[in-house]
Amino acid sequence: MWMESVAWAQTSGGSGSGSGTLLSLVPFVLIFVIFYFMLILPQQKKQKQQKALMEGLKKGDKVITASGIWGTVTNLGKDTVTLQIADNTKIKMQREYIGRLRSEEDDKDA
């Protein structure tokens, strides 16, 4: 009988239980805000940059694929890109696997 009264006393918060519930939500809100600024926002920015890269591709662009293949765009399809990776070697690949454009510093390293 005594344990039931202790349990009942713990669950009945009286007038302060509403503010206690609100205060217990604050850490979860803070965690969500931190996750938003550290994970979600940078990922959205990266997706926008990748989409702009895909839309801006043109023949003659020097690119590096997501798997690390260096090539030059020779043909563009709706969903595919043809890359020349050697003098007589061309490969066709999905457009979304183009990682980035090659910079002048990349060409110096090669």
PDB file of N, CA and C in Angstrom:
ATOM      1  N   MET A   1       0.829  -1.190   0.000  1.00  0.00           N
ATOM      2  CA  MET A   1       0.000   0.000   0.000  1.00  0.00           C
ATOM      3  C   MET A   1       0.874   1.255   0.000  1.00  0.00           C
ATOM      4  N   TRP A   2       1.946   1.209   0.733  1.00  0.00           N
ATOM      5  CA  TRP A   2       2.819   2.380   0.829  1.00  0.00           C
ATOM      6  C   TRP A   2       3.436   2.701  -0.539  1.00  0.00           C
ATOM      7  N   MET A   3       3.842   1.696  -1.360  1.00  0.00           N
ATOM      8  CA  MET A   3       4.442   1.903  -2.676  1.00  0.00           C
ATOM      9  C   MET A   3       3.446   2.571  -3.629  1.00  0.00           C
ATOM     10  N   GLU A   4       2.169   2.216  -3.511  1.00  0.00           N
ATOM     11  CA  GLU A   4       1.167   2.837  -4.368  1.00  0.00           C
ATOM     12  C   GLU A   4       1.045   4.326  -4.072  1.00  0.00           C
ATOM     13  N   SER A   5       1.113   4.715  -2.826  1.00  0.00           N
ATOM     14  CA  SER A   5       0.992   6.130  -2.492  1.00  0.00           C
ATOM     15  C   SER A   5       2.219   6.911  -2.956  1.00  0.00           C
ATOM     16  N   VAL A   6       3.413   6.295  -2.914  1.00  0.00           N
ATOM     17  CA  VAL A   6       4.616   6.963  -3.399  1.00  0.00           C
ATOM     18  C   VAL A   6       4.506   7.160  -4.910  1.00  0.00           C
ATOM     19  N   ALA A   7       4.078   6.137  -5.629  1.00  0.00           N
ATOM     20  CA  ALA A   7       3.917   6.230  -7.076  1.00  0.00           C
ATOM     21  C   ALA A   7       2.872   7.279  -7.428  1.00  0.00           C
ATOM     22  N   TRP A   8       1.792   7.318  -6.687  1.00  0.00           N
ATOM     23  CA  TRP A   8       0.746   8.296  -6.947  1.00  0.00           C
ATOM     24  C   TRP A   8       1.269   9.713  -6.700  1.00  0.00           C
ATOM     25  N   ALA A   9       2.080   9.903  -5.705  1.00  0.00           N
ATOM     26  CA  ALA A   9       2.628  11.219  -5.385  1.00  0.00           C
ATOM     27  C   ALA A   9       3.599  11.674  -6.468  1.00  0.00           C
ATOM     28  N   GLN A  10       4.312  10.746  -7.072  1.00  0.00           N
ATOM     29  CA  GLN A  10       5.252  11.118  -8.110  1.00  0.00           C
ATOM     30  C   GLN A  10       4.549  11.504  -9.402  1.00  0.00           C
ATOM     31  N   THR A  11       3.416  10.893  -9.705  1.00  0.00           N
ATOM     32  CA  THR A  11       2.729  11.182 -10.958  1.00  0.00           C
ATOM     33  C   THR A  11       1.870  12.423 -10.878  1.00  0.00           C
ATOM     34  N   SER A  12       1.377  12.771  -9.732  1.00  0.00           N
ATOM     35  CA  SER A  12       0.539  13.961  -9.638  1.00  0.00           C
ATOM     36  C   SER A  12       1.427  15.168  -9.388  1.00  0.00           C
ATOM     37  N   GLY A  13       1.608  15.962 -10.446  1.00  0.00           N
ATOM     38  CA  GLY A  13       2.515  17.100 -10.345  1.00  0.00           C
ATOM     39  C   GLY A  13       1.847  18.340  -9.808  1.00  0.00           C
ATOM     40  N   GLY A  14       0.552  18.369  -9.793  1.00  0.00           N
ATOM     41  CA  GLY A  14      -0.123  19.563  -9.336  1.00  0.00           C
ATOM     42  C   GLY A  14      -0.076  20.649 -10.389  1.00  0.00           C
ATOM     43  N   SER A  15       0.095  21.904  -9.981  1.00  0.00           N
ATOM     44  CA  SER A  15       0.069  23.026 -10.910  1.00  0.00           C
ATOM     45  C   SER A  15       1.375  23.176 -11.684  1.00  0.00           C
ATOM     46  N   GLY A  16       2.484  22.656 -11.202  1.00  0.00           N
ATOM     47  CA  GLY A  16       3.779  22.826 -11.846  1.00  0.00           C
ATOM     48  C   GLY A  16       4.083  21.792 -12.916  1.00  0.00           C
ATOM     49  N   SER A  17       3.206  20.838 -13.166  1.00  0.00           N
ATOM     50  CA  SER A  17       3.515  19.762 -14.111  1.00  0.00           C
ATOM     51  C   SER A  17       3.527  20.258 -15.552  1.00  0.00           C
ATOM     52  N   GLY A  18       2.779  21.262 -15.906  1.00  0.00           N
ATOM     53  CA  GLY A  18       2.770  21.791 -17.269  1.00  0.00           C
ATOM     54  C   GLY A  18       4.096  22.424 -17.634  1.00  0.00           C
ATOM     55  N   SER A  19       4.648  23.196 -16.742  1.00  0.00           N
ATOM     56  CA  SER A  19       5.945  23.829 -17.018  1.00  0.00           C
ATOM     57  C   SER A  19       7.063  22.805 -16.979  1.00  0.00           C
ATOM     58  N   GLY A  20       6.934  21.768 -16.178  1.00  0.00           N
ATOM     59  CA  GLY A  20       7.935  20.698 -16.128  1.00  0.00           C
ATOM     60  C   GLY A  20       7.981  19.933 -17.437  1.00  0.00           C
ATOM     61  N   THR A  21       6.821  19.694 -18.037  1.00  0.00           N
ATOM     62  CA  THR A  21       6.764  19.008 -19.321  1.00  0.00           C
ATOM     63  C   THR A  21       7.392  19.867 -20.407  1.00  0.00           C
ATOM     64  N   LEU A  22       7.104  21.151 -20.374  1.00  0.00           N
ATOM     65  CA  LEU A  22       7.672  22.069 -21.361  1.00  0.00           C
ATOM     66  C   LEU A  22       9.184  22.141 -21.224  1.00  0.00           C
ATOM     67  N   LEU A  23       9.674  22.178 -19.991  1.00  0.00           N
ATOM     68  CA  LEU A  23      11.116  22.219 -19.752  1.00  0.00           C
ATOM     69  C   LEU A  23      11.798  20.930 -20.201  1.00  0.00           C
ATOM     70  N   SER A  24      11.098  19.819 -20.113  1.00  0.00           N
ATOM     71  CA  SER A  24      11.706  18.557 -20.534  1.00  0.00           C
ATOM     72  C   SER A  24      11.812  18.468 -22.050  1.00  0.00           C
ATOM     73  N   LEU A  25      11.085  19.276 -22.807  1.00  0.00           N
ATOM     74  CA  LEU A  25      11.158  19.281 -24.261  1.00  0.00           C
ATOM     75  C   LEU A  25      12.299  20.148 -24.788  1.00  0.00           C
ATOM     76  N   VAL A  26      12.790  21.061 -23.981  1.00  0.00           N
ATOM     77  CA  VAL A  26      13.843  21.984 -24.411  1.00  0.00           C
ATOM     78  C   VAL A  26      15.098  21.248 -24.909  1.00  0.00           C
ATOM     79  N   PRO A  27      15.606  20.225 -24.224  1.00  0.00           N
ATOM     80  CA  PRO A  27      16.792  19.528 -24.749  1.00  0.00           C
ATOM     81  C   PRO A  27      16.557  18.898 -26.121  1.00  0.00           C
ATOM     82  N   PHE A  28      15.366  18.356 -26.352  1.00  0.00           N
ATOM     83  CA  PHE A  28      15.069  17.748 -27.646  1.00  0.00           C
ATOM     84  C   PHE A  28      15.023  18.798 -28.756  1.00  0.00           C
ATOM     85  N   VAL A  29      14.480  19.942 -28.449  1.00  0.00           N
ATOM     86  CA  VAL A  29      14.444  21.026 -29.432  1.00  0.00           C
ATOM     87  C   VAL A  29      15.866  21.496 -29.739  1.00  0.00           C
ATOM     88  N   LEU A  30      16.683  21.633 -28.720  1.00  0.00           N
ATOM     89  CA  LEU A  30      18.079  22.041 -28.924  1.00  0.00           C
ATOM     90  C   LEU A  30      18.841  21.012 -29.760  1.00  0.00           C
ATOM     91  N   ILE A  31      18.624  19.734 -29.506  1.00  0.00           N
ATOM     92  CA  ILE A  31      19.286  18.688 -30.286  1.00  0.00           C
ATOM     93  C   ILE A  31      18.856  18.772 -31.742  1.00  0.00           C
ATOM     94  N   PHE A  32      17.564  18.989 -31.991  1.00  0.00           N
ATOM     95  CA  PHE A  32      17.081  19.107 -33.368  1.00  0.00           C
ATOM     96  C   PHE A  32      17.708  20.311 -34.063  1.00  0.00           C
ATOM     97  N   VAL A  33      17.794  21.436 -33.385  1.00  0.00           N
ATOM     98  CA  VAL A  33      18.387  22.644 -33.978  1.00  0.00           C
ATOM     99  C   VAL A  33      19.861  22.398 -34.312  1.00  0.00           C
ATOM    100  N   ILE A  34      20.580  21.752 -33.423  1.00  0.00           N
ATOM    101  CA  ILE A  34      21.988  21.452 -33.671  1.00  0.00           C
ATOM    102  C   ILE A  34      22.126  20.515 -34.873  1.00  0.00           C
ATOM    103  N   PHE A  35      21.305  19.475 -34.939  1.00  0.00           N
ATOM    104  CA  PHE A  35      21.339  18.558 -36.072  1.00  0.00           C
ATOM    105  C   PHE A  35      21.014  19.277 -37.372  1.00  0.00           C
ATOM    106  N   TYR A  36      20.067  20.197 -37.317  1.00  0.00           N
ATOM    107  CA  TYR A  36      19.682  20.922 -38.527  1.00  0.00           C
ATOM    108  C   TYR A  36      20.861  21.713 -39.077  1.00  0.00           C
ATOM    109  N   PHE A  37      21.532  22.463 -38.218  1.00  0.00           N
ATOM    110  CA  PHE A  37      22.622  23.312 -38.680  1.00  0.00           C
ATOM    111  C   PHE A  37      23.906  22.533 -38.983  1.00  0.00           C
ATOM    112  N   MET A  38      24.096  21.380 -38.367  1.00  0.00           N
ATOM    113  CA  MET A  38      25.331  20.633 -38.596  1.00  0.00           C
ATOM    114  C   MET A  38      25.195  19.545 -39.657  1.00  0.00           C
ATOM    115  N   LEU A  39      24.003  19.027 -39.890  1.00  0.00           N
ATOM    116  CA  LEU A  39      23.830  17.927 -40.827  1.00  0.00           C
ATOM    117  C   LEU A  39      22.915  18.256 -41.999  1.00  0.00           C
ATOM    118  N   ILE A  40      21.736  18.725 -41.716  1.00  0.00           N
ATOM    119  CA  ILE A  40      20.725  18.895 -42.762  1.00  0.00           C
ATOM    120  C   ILE A  40      21.056  20.063 -43.670  1.00  0.00           C
ATOM    121  N   LEU A  41      21.375  21.215 -43.127  1.00  0.00           N
ATOM    122  CA  LEU A  41      21.662  22.402 -43.930  1.00  0.00           C
ATOM    123  C   LEU A  41      22.877  22.217 -44.850  1.00  0.00           C
ATOM    124  N   PRO A  42      24.011  21.690 -44.359  1.00  0.00           N
ATOM    125  CA  PRO A  42      25.140  21.466 -45.280  1.00  0.00           C
ATOM    126  C   PRO A  42      24.825  20.448 -46.376  1.00  0.00           C
ATOM    127  N   GLN A  43      24.031  19.431 -46.052  1.00  0.00           N
ATOM    128  CA  GLN A  43      23.667  18.434 -47.060  1.00  0.00           C
ATOM    129  C   GLN A  43      22.804  19.060 -48.153  1.00  0.00           C
ATOM    130  N   GLN A  44      21.869  19.922 -47.774  1.00  0.00           N
ATOM    131  CA  GLN A  44      21.037  20.604 -48.768  1.00  0.00           C
ATOM    132  C   GLN A  44      21.885  21.515 -49.648  1.00  0.00           C
ATOM    133  N   LYS A  45      22.862  22.187 -49.068  1.00  0.00           N
ATOM    134  CA  LYS A  45      23.745  23.064 -49.833  1.00  0.00           C
ATOM    135  C   LYS A  45      24.560  22.249 -50.836  1.00  0.00           C
ATOM    136  N   LYS A  46      25.057  21.098 -50.407  1.00  0.00           N
ATOM    137  CA  LYS A  46      25.839  20.236 -51.292  1.00  0.00           C
ATOM    138  C   LYS A  46      24.970  19.706 -52.439  1.00  0.00           C
ATOM    139  N   GLN A  47      23.729  19.356 -52.159  1.00  0.00           N
ATOM    140  CA  GLN A  47      22.824  18.874 -53.202  1.00  0.00           C
ATOM    141  C   GLN A  47      22.542  19.969 -54.226  1.00  0.00           C
ATOM    142  N   LYS A  48      22.379  21.207 -53.779  1.00  0.00           N
ATOM    143  CA  LYS A  48      22.151  22.316 -54.708  1.00  0.00           C
ATOM    144  C   LYS A  48      23.368  22.536 -55.599  1.00  0.00           C
ATOM    145  N   GLN A  49      24.564  22.444 -55.026  1.00  0.00           N
ATOM    146  CA  GLN A  49      25.782  22.606 -55.811  1.00  0.00           C
ATOM    147  C   GLN A  49      25.914  21.492 -56.844  1.00  0.00           C
ATOM    148  N   GLN A  50      25.603  20.257 -56.462  1.00  0.00           N
ATOM    149  CA  GLN A  50      25.698  19.132 -57.385  1.00  0.00           C
ATOM    150  C   GLN A  50      24.677  19.272 -58.507  1.00  0.00           C
ATOM    151  N   LYS A  51      23.479  19.736 -58.188  1.00  0.00           N
ATOM    152  CA  LYS A  51      22.450  19.939 -59.209  1.00  0.00           C
ATOM    153  C   LYS A  51      22.886  21.030 -60.194  1.00  0.00           C
ATOM    154  N   ALA A  52      23.474  22.102 -59.675  1.00  0.00           N
ATOM    155  CA  ALA A  52      23.962  23.174 -60.550  1.00  0.00           C
ATOM    156  C   ALA A  52      25.081  22.659 -61.451  1.00  0.00           C
ATOM    157  N   LEU A  53      25.947  21.798 -60.927  1.00  0.00           N
ATOM    158  CA  LEU A  53      27.016  21.207 -61.727  1.00  0.00           C
ATOM    159  C   LEU A  53      26.431  20.366 -62.853  1.00  0.00           C
ATOM    160  N   MET A  54      25.439  19.541 -62.544  1.00  0.00           N
ATOM    161  CA  MET A  54      24.827  18.675 -63.562  1.00  0.00           C
ATOM    162  C   MET A  54      24.161  19.499 -64.665  1.00  0.00           C
ATOM    163  N   GLU A  55      23.502  20.583 -64.275  1.00  0.00           N
ATOM    164  CA  GLU A  55      22.814  21.416 -65.266  1.00  0.00           C
ATOM    165  C   GLU A  55      23.796  22.237 -66.094  1.00  0.00           C
ATOM    166  N   GLY A  56      24.970  22.520 -65.545  1.00  0.00           N
ATOM    167  CA  GLY A  56      25.938  23.363 -66.234  1.00  0.00           C
ATOM    168  C   GLY A  56      26.979  22.603 -67.047  1.00  0.00           C
ATOM    169  N   LEU A  57      26.889  21.269 -67.079  1.00  0.00           N
ATOM    170  CA  LEU A  57      27.863  20.493 -67.849  1.00  0.00           C
ATOM    171  C   LEU A  57      27.742  20.797 -69.331  1.00  0.00           C
ATOM    172  N   LYS A  58      28.896  20.852 -70.005  1.00  0.00           N
ATOM    173  CA  LYS A  58      28.897  21.078 -71.453  1.00  0.00           C
ATOM    174  C   LYS A  58      30.047  20.308 -72.066  1.00  0.00           C
ATOM    175  N   LYS A  59      30.008  20.143 -73.367  1.00  0.00           N
ATOM    176  CA  LYS A  59      31.067  19.429 -74.072  1.00  0.00           C
ATOM    177  C   LYS A  59      32.395  20.150 -73.840  1.00  0.00           C
ATOM    178  N   GLY A  60      33.434  19.360 -73.643  1.00  0.00           N
ATOM    179  CA  GLY A  60      34.759  19.928 -73.438  1.00  0.00           C
ATOM    180  C   GLY A  60      35.121  20.143 -71.980  1.00  0.00           C
ATOM    181  N   ASP A  61      34.152  20.025 -71.061  1.00  0.00           N
ATOM    182  CA  ASP A  61      34.455  20.174 -69.633  1.00  0.00           C
ATOM    183  C   ASP A  61      35.345  19.028 -69.167  1.00  0.00           C
ATOM    184  N   LYS A  62      36.341  19.359 -68.384  1.00  0.00           N
ATOM    185  CA  LYS A  62      37.213  18.347 -67.799  1.00  0.00           C
ATOM    186  C   LYS A  62      36.673  18.040 -66.414  1.00  0.00           C
ATOM    187  N   VAL A  63      36.380  16.759 -66.179  1.00  0.00           N
ATOM    188  CA  VAL A  63      35.705  16.366 -64.946  1.00  0.00           C
ATOM    189  C   VAL A  63      36.428  15.218 -64.266  1.00  0.00           C
ATOM    190  N   ILE A  64      36.076  15.014 -63.009  1.00  0.00           N
ATOM    191  CA  ILE A  64      36.500  13.846 -62.244  1.00  0.00           C
ATOM    192  C   ILE A  64      35.216  13.181 -61.754  1.00  0.00           C
ATOM    193  N   THR A  65      35.091  11.879 -62.002  1.00  0.00           N
ATOM    194  CA  THR A  65      33.887  11.167 -61.596  1.00  0.00           C
ATOM    195  C   THR A  65      33.932  10.853 -60.109  1.00  0.00           C
ATOM    196  N   ALA A  66      32.803  10.378 -59.587  1.00  0.00           N
ATOM    197  CA  ALA A  66      32.731  10.013 -58.174  1.00  0.00           C
ATOM    198  C   ALA A  66      33.667   8.854 -57.851  1.00  0.00           C
ATOM    199  N   SER A  67      33.993   8.036 -58.845  1.00  0.00           N
ATOM    200  CA  SER A  67      34.904   6.913 -58.612  1.00  0.00           C
ATOM    201  C   SER A  67      36.354   7.289 -58.879  1.00  0.00           C
ATOM    202  N   GLY A  68      36.626   8.531 -59.287  1.00  0.00           N
ATOM    203  CA  GLY A  68      37.986   8.999 -59.453  1.00  0.00           C
ATOM    204  C   GLY A  68      38.529   8.949 -60.866  1.00  0.00           C
ATOM    205  N   ILE A  69      37.687   8.674 -61.848  1.00  0.00           N
ATOM    206  CA  ILE A  69      38.138   8.638 -63.237  1.00  0.00           C
ATOM    207  C   ILE A  69      38.196  10.061 -63.781  1.00  0.00           C
ATOM    208  N   TRP A  70      39.315  10.408 -64.408  1.00  0.00           N
ATOM    209  CA  TRP A  70      39.495  11.718 -65.008  1.00  0.00           C
ATOM    210  C   TRP A  70      39.132  11.621 -66.480  1.00  0.00           C
ATOM    211  N   GLY A  71      38.347  12.587 -66.967  1.00  0.00           N
ATOM    212  CA  GLY A  71      37.983  12.563 -68.373  1.00  0.00           C
ATOM    213  C   GLY A  71      37.493  13.904 -68.855  1.00  0.00           C
ATOM    214  N   THR A  72      37.204  13.931 -70.168  1.00  0.00           N
ATOM    215  CA  THR A  72      36.677  15.127 -70.811  1.00  0.00           C
ATOM    216  C   THR A  72      35.325  14.788 -71.411  1.00  0.00           C
ATOM    217  N   VAL A  73      34.332  15.628 -71.179  1.00  0.00           N
ATOM    218  CA  VAL A  73      32.982  15.389 -71.682  1.00  0.00           C
ATOM    219  C   VAL A  73      32.990  15.537 -73.201  1.00  0.00           C
ATOM    220  N   THR A  74      32.532  14.476 -73.893  1.00  0.00           N
ATOM    221  CA  THR A  74      32.461  14.536 -75.354  1.00  0.00           C
ATOM    222  C   THR A  74      31.032  14.534 -75.854  1.00  0.00           C
ATOM    223  N   ASN A  75      30.101  14.014 -75.053  1.00  0.00           N
ATOM    224  CA  ASN A  75      28.708  13.967 -75.469  1.00  0.00           C
ATOM    225  C   ASN A  75      27.819  13.979 -74.233  1.00  0.00           C
ATOM    226  N   LEU A  76      26.705  14.683 -74.325  1.00  0.00           N
ATOM    227  CA  LEU A  76      25.763  14.758 -73.212  1.00  0.00           C
ATOM    228  C   LEU A  76      24.412  14.218 -73.660  1.00  0.00           C
ATOM    229  N   GLY A  77      23.880  13.284 -72.890  1.00  0.00           N
ATOM    230  CA  GLY A  77      22.523  12.804 -73.090  1.00  0.00           C
ATOM    231  C   GLY A  77      21.650  13.327 -71.965  1.00  0.00           C
ATOM    232  N   LYS A  78      20.401  12.913 -71.971  1.00  0.00           N
ATOM    233  CA  LYS A  78      19.495  13.355 -70.911  1.00  0.00           C
ATOM    234  C   LYS A  78      19.964  12.841 -69.545  1.00  0.00           C
ATOM    235  N   ASP A  79      20.295  11.555 -69.483  1.00  0.00           N
ATOM    236  CA  ASP A  79      20.720  10.946 -68.222  1.00  0.00           C
ATOM    237  C   ASP A  79      22.155  10.456 -68.248  1.00  0.00           C
ATOM    238  N   THR A  80      22.825  10.549 -69.397  1.00  0.00           N
ATOM    239  CA  THR A  80      24.164   9.987 -69.512  1.00  0.00           C
ATOM    240  C   THR A  80      25.165  11.030 -69.990  1.00  0.00           C
ATOM    241  N   VAL A  81      26.422  10.726 -69.768  1.00  0.00           N
ATOM    242  CA  VAL A  81      27.543  11.549 -70.212  1.00  0.00           C
ATOM    243  C   VAL A  81      28.565  10.606 -70.832  1.00  0.00           C
ATOM    244  N   THR A  82      29.122  10.988 -71.965  1.00  0.00           N
ATOM    245  CA  THR A  82      30.215  10.223 -72.556  1.00  0.00           C
ATOM    246  C   THR A  82      31.509  10.969 -72.260  1.00  0.00           C
ATOM    247  N   LEU A  83      32.441  10.239 -71.645  1.00  0.00           N
ATOM    248  CA  LEU A  83      33.726  10.817 -71.274  1.00  0.00           C
ATOM    249  C   LEU A  83      34.832  10.185 -72.105  1.00  0.00           C
ATOM    250  N   GLN A  84      35.753  11.003 -72.562  1.00  0.00           N
ATOM    251  CA  GLN A  84      36.958  10.499 -73.200  1.00  0.00           C
ATOM    252  C   GLN A  84      38.016  10.446 -72.121  1.00  0.00           C
ATOM    253  N   ILE A  85      38.506   9.233 -71.824  1.00  0.00           N
ATOM    254  CA  ILE A  85      39.470   9.081 -70.736  1.00  0.00           C
ATOM    255  C   ILE A  85      40.882   8.807 -71.245  1.00  0.00           C
ATOM    256  N   ALA A  86      41.001   8.498 -72.538  1.00  0.00           N
ATOM    257  CA  ALA A  86      42.307   8.322 -73.193  1.00  0.00           C
ATOM    258  C   ALA A  86      42.110   8.679 -74.664  1.00  0.00           C
ATOM    259  N   ASP A  87      43.174   8.589 -75.472  1.00  0.00           N
ATOM    260  CA  ASP A  87      43.088   9.009 -76.868  1.00  0.00           C
ATOM    261  C   ASP A  87      41.953   8.323 -77.632  1.00  0.00           C
ATOM    262  N   ASN A  88      41.836   7.023 -77.532  1.00  0.00           N
ATOM    263  CA  ASN A  88      40.802   6.298 -78.270  1.00  0.00           C
ATOM    264  C   ASN A  88      39.850   5.569 -77.340  1.00  0.00           C
ATOM    265  N   THR A  89      39.681   6.058 -76.130  1.00  0.00           N
ATOM    266  CA  THR A  89      38.839   5.379 -75.145  1.00  0.00           C
ATOM    267  C   THR A  89      37.770   6.326 -74.625  1.00  0.00           C
ATOM    268  N   LYS A  90      36.520   5.919 -74.849  1.00  0.00           N
ATOM    269  CA  LYS A  90      35.383   6.684 -74.338  1.00  0.00           C
ATOM    270  C   LYS A  90      34.514   5.766 -73.491  1.00  0.00           C
ATOM    271  N   ILE A  91      33.959   6.330 -72.442  1.00  0.00           N
ATOM    272  CA  ILE A  91      33.034   5.572 -71.599  1.00  0.00           C
ATOM    273  C   ILE A  91      31.749   6.363 -71.446  1.00  0.00           C
ATOM    274  N   LYS A  92      30.657   5.630 -71.313  1.00  0.00           N
ATOM    275  CA  LYS A  92      29.352   6.254 -71.096  1.00  0.00           C
ATOM    276  C   LYS A  92      28.946   5.945 -69.659  1.00  0.00           C
ATOM    277  N   MET A  93      28.520   6.972 -68.949  1.00  0.00           N
ATOM    278  CA  MET A  93      28.139   6.773 -67.554  1.00  0.00           C
ATOM    279  C   MET A  93      26.940   7.646 -67.188  1.00  0.00           C
ATOM    280  N   GLN A  94      26.340   7.321 -66.058  1.00  0.00           N
ATOM    281  CA  GLN A  94      25.222   8.099 -65.544  1.00  0.00           C
ATOM    282  C   GLN A  94      25.689   9.506 -65.203  1.00  0.00           C
ATOM    283  N   ARG A  95      24.858  10.461 -65.472  1.00  0.00           N
ATOM    284  CA  ARG A  95      25.205  11.872 -65.262  1.00  0.00           C
ATOM    285  C   ARG A  95      25.479  12.206 -63.796  1.00  0.00           C
ATOM    286  N   GLU A  96      24.736  11.579 -62.887  1.00  0.00           N
ATOM    287  CA  GLU A  96      24.890  11.924 -61.470  1.00  0.00           C
ATOM    288  C   GLU A  96      26.198  11.427 -60.859  1.00  0.00           C
ATOM    289  N   TYR A  97      26.967  10.614 -61.601  1.00  0.00           N
ATOM    290  CA  TYR A  97      28.243  10.140 -61.079  1.00  0.00           C
ATOM    291  C   TYR A  97      29.412  11.054 -61.431  1.00  0.00           C
ATOM    292  N   ILE A  98      29.133  12.187 -62.032  1.00  0.00           N
ATOM    293  CA  ILE A  98      30.172  13.192 -62.230  1.00  0.00           C
ATOM    294  C   ILE A  98      30.390  13.860 -60.875  1.00  0.00           C
ATOM    295  N   GLY A  99      31.600  13.753 -60.347  1.00  0.00           N
ATOM    296  CA  GLY A  99      31.879  14.275 -59.009  1.00  0.00           C
ATOM    297  C   GLY A  99      32.096  15.775 -58.986  1.00  0.00           C
ATOM    298  N   ARG A 100      32.982  16.239 -59.880  1.00  0.00           N
ATOM    299  CA  ARG A 100      33.296  17.668 -59.893  1.00  0.00           C
ATOM    300  C   ARG A 100      34.050  18.007 -61.166  1.00  0.00           C
ATOM    301  N   LEU A 101      34.154  19.299 -61.420  1.00  0.00           N
ATOM    302  CA  LEU A 101      34.970  19.778 -62.525  1.00  0.00           C
ATOM    303  C   LEU A 101      36.429  19.799 -62.089  1.00  0.00           C
ATOM    304  N   ARG A 102      37.324  19.519 -63.019  1.00  0.00           N
ATOM    305  CA  ARG A 102      38.749  19.584 -62.698  1.00  0.00           C
ATOM    306  C   ARG A 102      39.199  21.034 -62.701  1.00  0.00           C
ATOM    307  N   SER A 103      40.021  21.367 -61.746  1.00  0.00           N
ATOM    308  CA  SER A 103      40.566  22.726 -61.682  1.00  0.00           C
ATOM    309  C   SER A 103      41.951  22.739 -62.312  1.00  0.00           C
ATOM    310  N   GLU A 104      42.521  23.915 -62.454  1.00  0.00           N
ATOM    311  CA  GLU A 104      43.860  24.041 -63.030  1.00  0.00           C
ATOM    312  C   GLU A 104      44.906  23.384 -62.119  1.00  0.00           C
ATOM    313  N   GLU A 105      44.706  23.430 -60.806  1.00  0.00           N
ATOM    314  CA  GLU A 105      45.632  22.780 -59.885  1.00  0.00           C
ATOM    315  C   GLU A 105      45.627  21.277 -60.090  1.00  0.00           C
ATOM    316  N   ASP A 106      44.432  20.696 -60.390  1.00  0.00           N
ATOM    317  CA  ASP A 106      44.349  19.261 -60.640  1.00  0.00           C
ATOM    318  C   ASP A 106      45.152  18.887 -61.874  1.00  0.00           C
ATOM    319  N   ASP A 107      45.094  19.727 -62.914  1.00  0.00           N
ATOM    320  CA  ASP A 107      45.804  19.440 -64.144  1.00  0.00           C
ATOM    321  C   ASP A 107      47.314  19.523 -63.939  1.00  0.00           C
ATOM    322  N   LYS A 108      47.766  20.378 -63.035  1.00  0.00           N
ATOM    323  CA  LYS A 108      49.203  20.480 -62.760  1.00  0.00           C
ATOM    324  C   LYS A 108      49.728  19.224 -62.067  1.00  0.00           C
ATOM    325  N   ASP A 109      48.886  18.613 -61.221  1.00  0.00           N
ATOM    326  CA  ASP A 109      49.288  17.415 -60.482  1.00  0.00           C
ATOM    327  C   ASP A 109      49.421  16.198 -61.390  1.00  0.00           C
ATOM    328  N   ALA A 110      48.684  16.188 -62.483  1.00  0.00           N
ATOM    329  CA  ALA A 110      48.639  14.998 -63.335  1.00  0.00           C
ATOM    330  C   ALA A 110      49.877  14.779 -64.134  1.00  0.00           C
TER     331      ALA A 110
END
